[in-house]
Protein backbone atom coordinates (compact mmCIF):
# COMPACT_ATOMS: atom_id res chain seq x y z
CA MET A 1 -20.91 5.51 12.69
CA LYS A 2 -24.53 4.60 12.89
CA ALA A 3 -26.28 2.18 10.68
CA LEU A 4 -27.99 3.68 7.53
CA SER A 5 -31.81 3.65 7.23
CA ASN A 6 -33.22 1.03 4.71
CA GLU A 7 -33.74 3.80 2.08
CA ASP A 8 -30.29 5.32 2.20
CA SER A 9 -28.92 1.57 2.15
CA ARG A 10 -30.69 0.96 -0.80
CA LYS A 11 -29.71 4.21 -2.60
CA LEU A 12 -25.91 3.34 -1.65
CA PHE A 13 -26.10 -0.07 -2.92
CA PHE A 14 -28.13 0.46 -6.08
CA ARG A 15 -26.19 3.41 -7.06
CA ARG A 16 -23.04 1.36 -6.72
CA VAL A 17 -24.35 -1.56 -8.63
CA PHE A 18 -26.30 -0.25 -11.27
CA GLY A 19 -25.47 3.50 -11.44
CA SER A 20 -28.90 4.09 -10.30
CA GLU A 21 -31.08 3.58 -7.52
CA ASP A 22 -33.94 2.76 -10.13
CA ALA A 23 -31.88 0.58 -12.47
CA CYS A 24 -32.39 -2.90 -10.49
CA PRO A 25 -33.75 -5.56 -12.85
CA LEU A 26 -36.89 -7.48 -11.45
CA TYR A 27 -35.13 -10.62 -11.06
CA LEU A 28 -32.52 -9.21 -8.73
CA GLU A 29 -35.18 -7.04 -6.31
CA GLU A 30 -35.67 -9.95 -3.81
CA VAL A 31 -32.08 -11.02 -3.44
CA SER A 32 -31.09 -7.44 -3.21
CA THR A 33 -33.32 -7.15 -0.20
CA GLN A 34 -31.79 -10.06 1.40
CA ILE A 35 -28.40 -9.18 0.90
CA LEU A 36 -29.00 -5.22 2.22
CA LYS A 37 -30.68 -6.73 4.98
CA ARG A 38 -27.59 -8.95 6.10
CA CYS A 39 -25.25 -5.84 5.60
CA GLY A 40 -27.15 -4.42 8.79
CA GLY A 41 -26.92 -0.90 7.42
CA LEU A 42 -23.28 -0.65 8.07
CA PRO A 43 -21.74 1.70 5.10
CA LEU A 44 -18.51 -0.30 4.75
CA ALA A 45 -20.40 -3.64 4.38
CA ILE A 46 -22.72 -2.39 1.65
CA VAL A 47 -19.97 -0.50 -0.26
CA THR A 48 -17.72 -3.73 -0.25
CA ILE A 49 -20.45 -6.19 -1.36
CA SER A 50 -21.88 -3.65 -3.80
CA SER A 51 -18.51 -2.85 -5.30
CA LEU A 52 -17.98 -6.88 -5.44
CA LEU A 53 -21.28 -7.28 -7.32
CA ALA A 54 -20.59 -4.05 -9.46
CA SER A 55 -17.64 -6.05 -10.76
CA GLU A 56 -19.60 -8.75 -12.35
CA ARG A 57 -20.13 -8.38 -15.68
CA ASN A 58 -22.95 -10.64 -16.19
CA LYS A 59 -25.20 -10.13 -13.36
CA LEU A 60 -26.37 -14.01 -12.42
CA LYS A 61 -28.73 -14.23 -9.95
CA GLU A 62 -27.26 -17.70 -8.81
CA HIS A 63 -24.04 -15.99 -7.75
CA TRP A 64 -26.00 -13.15 -5.97
CA VAL A 65 -27.54 -15.78 -4.25
CA HIS A 66 -24.22 -17.36 -3.24
CA ILE A 67 -22.80 -13.96 -1.92
CA MET A 68 -25.90 -13.51 0.07
CA ASN A 69 -25.61 -17.05 1.62
CA SER A 70 -21.84 -16.58 2.25
CA LEU A 71 -22.67 -13.53 4.31
CA GLY A 72 -24.69 -15.37 7.02
CA PRO A 73 -27.80 -14.56 8.74
CA ASN A 74 -26.19 -13.37 12.23
CA PHE A 75 -24.59 -10.20 11.05
CA GLU A 76 -27.60 -8.13 10.68
CA VAL A 77 -28.55 -8.76 14.39
CA ASN A 78 -24.83 -8.52 16.05
CA PRO A 79 -22.61 -7.02 13.78
CA THR A 80 -19.06 -8.12 15.05
CA LEU A 81 -15.40 -7.52 13.83
CA GLU A 82 -15.08 -11.29 12.86
CA GLY A 83 -18.41 -10.57 10.59
CA MET A 84 -17.20 -7.52 9.25
CA ARG A 85 -13.93 -9.63 8.43
CA GLN A 86 -16.04 -12.42 6.81
CA ILE A 87 -17.46 -9.97 4.50
CA LEU A 88 -14.00 -8.20 3.68
CA SER A 89 -13.06 -11.73 3.00
CA LEU A 90 -15.88 -12.20 0.56
CA SER A 91 -14.12 -9.16 -1.49
CA TYR A 92 -10.60 -10.50 -1.05
CA ILE A 93 -11.44 -14.12 -2.18
CA ASN A 94 -13.25 -12.64 -5.49
CA LEU A 95 -10.08 -10.69 -6.44
CA PRO A 96 -7.86 -11.82 -9.32
CA HIS A 97 -4.53 -12.94 -7.93
CA TYR A 98 -2.61 -10.07 -9.02
CA LEU A 99 -4.86 -7.48 -6.72
CA LYS A 100 -4.66 -9.84 -4.03
CA THR A 101 -0.98 -9.33 -3.89
CA CYS A 102 -1.22 -5.41 -4.31
CA MET A 103 -4.27 -5.15 -1.68
CA LEU A 104 -1.87 -6.82 0.83
CA TYR A 105 1.00 -4.81 0.27
CA LEU A 106 -1.27 -1.90 1.77
CA GLY A 107 -0.57 -3.38 5.12
CA MET A 108 3.05 -1.65 4.96
CA TYR A 109 1.15 1.46 5.90
CA PRO A 110 0.18 2.99 9.38
CA GLU A 111 -3.65 3.75 10.08
CA ASP A 112 -5.08 6.73 8.61
CA TYR A 113 -1.84 7.32 6.41
CA ILE A 114 -2.41 9.00 3.08
CA ILE A 115 -0.94 6.87 0.50
CA LYS A 116 0.30 8.42 -2.88
CA LYS A 117 -0.64 6.50 -5.93
CA SER A 118 2.87 7.14 -7.75
CA ASP A 119 4.72 5.83 -4.25
CA LEU A 120 2.36 2.34 -4.79
CA VAL A 121 2.68 1.89 -8.12
CA ARG A 122 6.75 2.30 -8.23
CA GLN A 123 6.86 -0.07 -5.36
CA TRP A 124 4.60 -2.69 -6.81
CA VAL A 125 6.61 -2.53 -9.73
CA ALA A 126 9.89 -2.74 -7.65
CA GLN A 127 8.59 -5.59 -5.93
CA GLY A 128 7.50 -7.80 -9.19
CA PHE A 129 3.76 -7.59 -8.52
CA VAL A 130 2.79 -6.46 -11.87
CA SER A 131 2.41 -8.74 -15.01
CA LYS A 132 4.19 -8.20 -17.97
CA ALA A 133 1.45 -6.84 -20.58
CA HIS A 134 2.80 -6.40 -24.25
CA GLY A 135 3.42 -3.02 -25.25
CA GLN A 136 2.40 -1.45 -21.97
CA TRP A 137 4.67 0.24 -19.45
CA PRO A 138 4.76 -1.44 -16.33
CA GLU A 139 3.78 1.40 -14.31
CA ASP A 140 0.82 1.91 -16.66
CA VAL A 141 -0.64 -1.51 -15.63
CA ALA A 142 -0.03 -0.76 -11.84
CA GLU A 143 -2.17 2.13 -12.56
CA CYS A 144 -4.80 -0.03 -13.65
CA TYR A 145 -4.52 -2.36 -10.44
CA PHE A 146 -4.65 1.05 -8.44
CA ASN A 147 -8.05 2.02 -9.99
CA GLU A 148 -9.47 -1.54 -9.98
CA LEU A 149 -8.97 -1.19 -5.91
CA VAL A 150 -10.59 2.02 -6.04
CA ASN A 151 -13.61 0.93 -8.19
CA ARG A 152 -13.68 -2.08 -5.98
CA GLY A 153 -14.28 0.02 -2.77
CA ILE A 154 -10.89 -1.37 -1.20
CA ILE A 155 -9.24 1.71 -1.08
CA GLN A 156 -10.76 5.40 -0.51
CA PRO A 157 -10.03 8.42 -2.58
CA VAL A 158 -8.69 11.07 -0.80
CA ASP A 159 -6.97 13.72 -3.62
CA THR A 160 -7.88 13.77 -6.94
CA ASP A 161 -6.87 16.17 -10.40
CA HIS A 162 -9.19 17.85 -12.68
CA ASN A 163 -9.84 14.82 -14.68
CA SER A 164 -11.32 13.10 -11.51
CA GLU A 165 -8.01 11.06 -11.59
CA VAL A 166 -7.30 9.64 -7.83
CA LEU A 167 -3.81 10.69 -7.02
CA SER A 168 -3.98 9.83 -3.39
CA CYS A 169 -5.89 7.21 -1.06
CA ARG A 170 -6.09 5.85 2.57
CA LEU A 171 -7.86 2.52 4.05
CA HIS A 172 -10.80 2.28 6.40
CA ASP A 173 -9.39 1.09 9.69
CA MET A 174 -11.71 -2.14 9.32
CA MET A 175 -10.38 -2.57 5.84
CA LEU A 176 -6.45 -2.29 7.26
CA ASP A 177 -7.70 -4.61 10.13
CA PHE A 178 -8.50 -7.25 7.85
CA ILE A 179 -5.44 -6.45 5.85
CA ILE A 180 -2.94 -7.18 8.73
CA HIS A 181 -4.96 -10.08 9.94
CA LYS A 182 -4.60 -11.50 6.25
CA CYS A 183 -0.66 -10.49 6.13
CA LYS A 184 -0.26 -12.55 9.48
CA GLU A 185 -2.09 -15.39 8.11
CA GLU A 186 -0.17 -15.49 4.86
CA ASN A 187 3.29 -14.31 6.33
CA PHE A 188 3.02 -11.62 3.85
CA ILE A 189 4.08 -8.37 5.86
CA THR A 190 5.36 -8.01 9.48
CA ALA A 191 4.30 -4.80 10.92
CA THR A 192 5.32 -4.22 14.45
CA ASP A 193 6.31 -0.93 16.83
CA ASP A 194 8.13 -3.90 18.93
CA ILE A 195 11.24 -4.53 17.74
CA GLN A 196 12.04 -7.38 20.23
CA ALA A 197 9.04 -9.21 18.69
CA MET A 198 11.05 -9.91 15.59
CA ILE A 199 13.64 -12.24 17.55
CA GLY A 200 11.32 -15.19 17.50
CA LEU A 201 10.37 -14.57 14.06
CA SER A 202 14.03 -15.26 12.48
CA ASP A 203 13.80 -15.98 9.07
CA LYS A 204 10.22 -15.83 8.29
CA VAL A 205 10.09 -11.77 7.57
CA ARG A 206 9.69 -11.11 4.08
CA ARG A 207 8.39 -7.57 4.14
CA LEU A 208 9.01 -5.35 7.01
CA SER A 209 7.10 -2.12 8.37
CA LEU A 210 8.19 -0.51 11.71
CA PHE A 211 6.62 2.33 13.53
CA GLN A 212 9.48 3.79 15.72
CA ASP A 213 8.65 6.66 17.78
CA ASP A 214 10.87 6.06 20.94
CA ILE A 215 14.26 5.64 21.90
CA ILE A 216 15.19 2.13 20.15
CA ASP A 217 17.10 -0.74 21.31
CA GLY A 218 18.71 -2.39 18.39
CA THR A 219 20.15 -5.41 19.85
CA ALA A 220 17.02 -7.48 18.33
CA PHE A 221 18.44 -6.52 14.85
CA GLU A 222 21.86 -8.00 15.47
CA ILE A 223 20.32 -11.44 16.11
CA THR A 224 17.94 -11.54 13.51
CA GLN A 225 18.09 -13.24 10.10
CA LEU A 226 17.19 -10.34 7.83
CA SER A 227 18.96 -10.89 4.33
CA GLN A 228 15.86 -12.49 3.08
CA VAL A 229 13.68 -9.19 3.36
CA ARG A 230 12.44 -7.75 0.04
CA ALA A 231 10.77 -4.66 1.35
CA LEU A 232 11.51 -2.22 4.51
CA VAL A 233 9.43 0.67 5.34
CA ARG A 234 9.69 2.75 8.68
CA PHE A 235 7.43 5.69 10.10
CA GLY A 236 7.85 7.43 13.46
CA ASN A 237 9.75 10.12 14.97
CA SER A 238 12.79 8.26 16.21
CA ALA A 239 16.03 9.04 14.43
CA TYR A 240 17.07 5.61 14.49
CA ALA A 241 17.33 3.69 11.13
CA PRO A 242 17.76 -0.31 11.27
CA PRO A 243 21.12 -1.72 10.17
CA LEU A 244 20.68 -1.54 6.48
CA LEU A 245 23.97 -3.52 5.84
CA LYS A 246 21.64 -6.50 7.16
CA PHE A 247 19.03 -6.09 4.51
CA LYS A 248 21.31 -7.26 1.67
CA HIS A 249 18.58 -8.42 -0.97
CA LEU A 250 16.10 -5.24 -0.34
CA ARG A 251 14.36 -3.90 -3.64
CA VAL A 252 12.11 -1.33 -1.62
CA LEU A 253 13.47 0.84 1.16
CA ASN A 254 11.14 3.54 2.27
CA LEU A 255 12.15 5.79 5.47
CA GLU A 256 10.21 8.41 6.99
CA PHE A 257 11.33 10.14 9.95
CA GLY A 258 9.53 12.84 12.03
CA ILE A 259 11.15 15.70 13.27
CA LEU A 260 14.87 15.51 13.66
CA GLY A 261 16.85 17.23 16.20
CA SER A 262 20.91 17.34 16.05
CA GLU A 263 20.87 13.73 15.84
CA MET A 264 20.77 11.98 12.08
CA PRO A 265 20.11 8.62 11.15
CA ASP A 266 22.84 6.30 9.82
CA LEU A 267 22.24 5.85 6.14
CA THR A 268 25.92 4.54 5.26
CA GLY A 269 24.65 0.88 4.46
CA ILE A 270 22.43 2.37 1.38
CA SER A 271 25.30 2.58 -1.09
CA HIS A 272 25.60 -1.55 -0.72
CA LEU A 273 21.90 -2.33 -1.34
CA PHE A 274 22.68 -3.59 -4.89
CA GLN A 275 19.43 -4.80 -5.79
CA LEU A 276 17.59 -1.51 -4.49
CA ARG A 277 15.07 -0.69 -7.02
CA TYR A 278 12.98 2.05 -4.94
CA LEU A 279 14.45 4.27 -2.26
CA LYS A 280 12.62 6.75 -0.74
CA ILE A 281 13.38 8.95 2.43
CA LYS A 282 11.62 11.75 3.98
CA ALA A 283 12.64 13.70 7.15
CA ASN A 284 11.63 16.65 9.19
CA GLY A 285 15.40 17.88 9.34
CA LYS A 286 18.83 17.26 7.99
CA ILE A 287 19.84 13.77 6.47
CA MET A 288 23.19 12.98 5.18
CA LEU A 289 23.35 10.38 2.41
CA PRO A 290 26.15 8.36 1.08
CA ARG A 291 28.60 10.33 -0.91
CA LYS A 292 28.72 7.54 -3.67
CA ILE A 293 25.65 5.37 -4.79
CA ARG A 294 26.88 4.53 -8.38
CA GLY A 295 26.54 0.72 -7.25
CA LEU A 296 22.71 0.90 -7.10
CA GLU A 297 22.62 -0.21 -10.81
CA GLN A 298 18.89 -1.31 -10.31
CA LEU A 299 17.68 1.37 -8.94
CA GLU A 300 14.58 2.97 -10.77
CA THR A 301 13.36 5.47 -8.19
CA LEU A 302 14.97 7.84 -6.08
CA GLU A 303 12.80 10.42 -3.89
CA LEU A 304 14.30 12.65 -1.11
CA GLY A 305 12.66 15.00 1.18
CA ALA A 306 14.63 16.86 3.90
CA TYR A 307 15.53 20.30 4.95
CA SER A 308 19.16 20.22 3.97
CA LEU A 309 20.51 17.42 1.86
CA GLU A 310 22.86 16.76 -1.14
CA VAL A 311 22.29 14.52 -4.14
CA PRO A 312 25.32 12.09 -4.52
CA SER A 313 27.19 13.45 -7.66
CA ASP A 314 27.49 9.93 -9.49
CA VAL A 315 23.57 9.44 -9.37
CA VAL A 316 24.11 10.77 -12.90
CA HIS A 317 25.43 7.37 -13.62
CA LEU A 318 22.50 5.51 -12.40
CA GLY A 319 21.58 3.89 -15.92
CA ARG A 320 17.91 2.59 -15.00
CA LEU A 321 16.98 5.54 -12.70
CA GLN A 322 13.49 6.76 -13.96
CA HIS A 323 12.27 9.00 -11.36
CA LEU A 324 14.55 11.53 -9.44
CA ILE A 325 12.37 13.50 -7.18
CA VAL A 326 14.00 16.08 -4.63
CA PRO A 327 13.06 19.61 -2.96
CA ARG A 328 12.91 22.57 -5.40
CA SER A 329 16.12 24.12 -3.96
CA THR A 330 18.38 21.18 -4.15
CA ASN A 331 21.28 21.51 -6.21
CA LEU A 332 21.76 18.76 -9.03
CA PRO A 333 24.66 17.17 -9.76
CA ASN A 334 26.62 17.81 -13.55
CA GLY A 335 25.73 15.59 -16.20
CA ILE A 336 22.17 15.25 -14.96
CA GLY A 337 20.70 15.67 -18.52
CA ASN A 338 22.73 13.09 -19.81
CA MET A 339 20.58 10.32 -17.84
CA LYS A 340 18.85 8.69 -21.01
CA SER A 341 16.09 6.48 -18.69
CA LEU A 342 14.96 9.57 -16.57
CA CYS A 343 11.20 10.31 -16.96
CA THR A 344 10.42 12.36 -13.93
CA LEU A 345 12.46 15.17 -12.36
């Protein structure tokens, strides 16, 4: 993308910070000009810095000067990936702790993936990222976190409803690059399409994101310690499912398969994931679930999407289940009306 003109840069910056390009107070005019100059006309840089400044209630000139000095003078002349990371890092550093965790979790998703808000907030809750607020449902608090990330320009809205509420989002490629870089630095997420690369990681993997398109050699899983993994997501067209019995302490499991032929993924280990709180399985084909999942006593979300599936009959005994999402044509087991915690069906 070409750099914006000075005029368009000013419009984007001031509308984001003040709501109008004519509302900047005189005492911030000069420092604003310098900040814009150091952003080099790059829209992502301008949106990131203006969103950071817009989040500050008190528009103190000293803070704006500090942000300007943090940008460095070289980016305007020679914009680089490292320079852009520095700008995005400024936004990250100024986030409250709870938002840093939620932001980094976005690294679980592949490039250009459209992320549903409902998926994110339920996974954040299941992972324990959401602070307990007196009198508030955890998912309501998590939605506030989501909206903060939108307002700060960290995630880009995709779908909105008639009330302008954001329902799904995606990440700018450079934002995703920064998040993955930060996840590696802090050992927050391991994202890979090469299972063999995990052999040396051993017990360091805390959250695992896999992209699997080809035939998989699963021997790496057999010699890798994985019981400490708390979240596992996998994407891609391969029908291979990691050996779920090795992930004893999972709280979040999200399996998305592409086009499945006659081969079906092995999902039998799901019924032994007793700490599971969030389970989502999507497949462009037929999947076979375990017949019994009554042992998943902590499960709060169960979302299933496939051409052909049968909901385990003992799902009605899951006392904590709040969200049950299945295709319209799915037959539901007897006793579904007796589930007292169910909020979404």
